[in-house]
Amino acid sequence: MKASRVIIGLILAAVIGSAIALVYARHENRTLFFALERLNAERDELNIEWGQLQLEQSTWADANRIEQVATRDLGMTFPAPQDIVVIAP
């Protein structure tokens, strides 16, 4: 009789331990899933920002804009034909 009570007690402890482990595993799964979703949203926002930055870079690097800034802000002009010197190799 005493041995069966010990076995039942051990089985009960194992069942309770297993149930607690299951609850913990599901909680951890949910926590990690929410963290993953947060990181996916952050990745999407960063991808959008990256696309905007690439567009901005292409706008700033446009040849016409560079020419406008060079002439307007820096006072640069194209050299006159007589000022051009060609150096042969």
Protein backbone atom coordinates (compact mmCIF):
# COMPACT_ATOMS: atom_id res chain seq x y z
CA MET A 1 0.00 0.00 0.00
CA LYS A 2 2.77 2.42 0.93
CA ALA A 3 4.68 1.77 -2.32
CA SER A 4 1.62 2.50 -4.41
CA ARG A 5 1.14 5.84 -2.61
CA VAL A 6 4.76 6.75 -3.35
CA ILE A 7 4.31 5.83 -7.01
CA ILE A 8 1.06 7.82 -7.21
CA GLY A 9 2.80 10.75 -5.51
CA LEU A 10 5.68 10.60 -8.00
CA ILE A 11 3.29 10.37 -10.94
CA LEU A 12 1.29 13.31 -9.58
CA ALA A 13 4.47 15.35 -9.14
CA ALA A 14 5.55 14.46 -12.69
CA VAL A 15 2.15 15.49 -14.08
CA ILE A 16 2.21 18.80 -12.18
CA GLY A 17 5.82 19.43 -13.23
CA SER A 18 4.93 18.64 -16.83
CA ALA A 19 1.94 21.01 -16.69
CA ILE A 20 4.09 23.82 -15.28
CA ALA A 21 6.73 23.20 -17.95
CA LEU A 22 4.04 23.33 -20.64
CA VAL A 23 2.67 26.64 -19.33
CA TYR A 24 6.19 28.08 -19.18
CA ALA A 25 7.00 26.88 -22.72
CA ARG A 26 3.80 28.41 -24.13
CA HIS A 27 4.44 31.68 -22.31
CA GLU A 28 8.00 31.79 -23.66
CA ASN A 29 6.68 30.99 -27.14
CA ARG A 30 4.22 33.90 -26.98
CA THR A 31 6.88 36.26 -25.65
CA LEU A 32 9.30 35.33 -28.41
CA PHE A 33 6.56 35.59 -31.05
CA PHE A 34 5.70 39.13 -29.93
CA ALA A 35 9.38 40.06 -30.00
CA LEU A 36 9.66 38.61 -33.50
CA GLU A 37 6.65 40.59 -34.69
CA ARG A 38 8.11 43.76 -33.18
CA LEU A 39 11.41 43.13 -34.95
CA ASN A 40 9.62 42.42 -38.24
CA ALA A 41 7.77 45.73 -37.95
CA GLU A 42 11.03 47.54 -37.18
CA ARG A 43 12.66 45.85 -40.20
CA ASP A 44 9.82 47.00 -42.42
CA GLU A 45 10.13 50.57 -41.14
CA LEU A 46 13.89 50.51 -41.70
CA ASN A 47 13.40 49.17 -45.24
CA ILE A 48 11.03 52.05 -45.97
CA GLU A 49 13.51 54.54 -44.55
CA TRP A 50 16.32 52.95 -46.58
CA GLY A 51 14.29 53.35 -49.77
CA GLN A 52 13.62 57.00 -48.94
CA LEU A 53 17.31 57.59 -48.27
CA GLN A 54 18.27 55.99 -51.57
CA LEU A 55 15.78 58.23 -53.37
CA GLU A 56 17.14 61.27 -51.56
CA GLN A 57 20.71 60.29 -52.44
CA SER A 58 19.84 59.90 -56.10
CA THR A 59 18.18 63.33 -56.02
CA TRP A 60 21.20 64.99 -54.43
CA ALA A 61 23.62 63.22 -56.79
CA ASP A 62 21.73 64.18 -59.97
CA ALA A 63 24.12 65.72 -62.51
CA ASN A 64 21.84 68.70 -63.18
CA ARG A 65 21.60 69.52 -59.50
CA ILE A 66 25.38 69.28 -59.04
CA GLU A 67 25.85 71.64 -61.99
CA GLN A 68 23.34 74.11 -60.50
CA VAL A 69 25.06 74.08 -57.11
CA ALA A 70 28.48 74.45 -58.73
CA THR A 71 27.44 77.50 -60.76
CA ARG A 72 25.14 79.16 -58.20
CA ASP A 73 26.88 78.51 -54.88
CA LEU A 74 30.50 78.02 -55.89
CA GLY A 75 30.62 80.40 -58.87
CA MET A 76 32.09 77.73 -61.12
CA THR A 77 31.83 78.03 -64.91
CA PHE A 78 32.89 75.98 -67.88
CA PRO A 79 36.33 76.98 -69.12
CA ALA A 80 36.56 78.91 -72.38
CA PRO A 81 37.90 76.89 -75.32
CA GLN A 82 41.20 78.82 -75.28
CA ASP A 83 41.67 77.88 -71.59
CA ILE A 84 41.45 74.13 -72.29
CA VAL A 85 44.80 72.37 -72.56
CA VAL A 86 44.93 68.84 -73.91
CA ILE A 87 47.85 66.78 -72.68
CA ALA A 88 48.79 63.94 -74.96
CA PRO A 89 50.22 60.75 -73.47
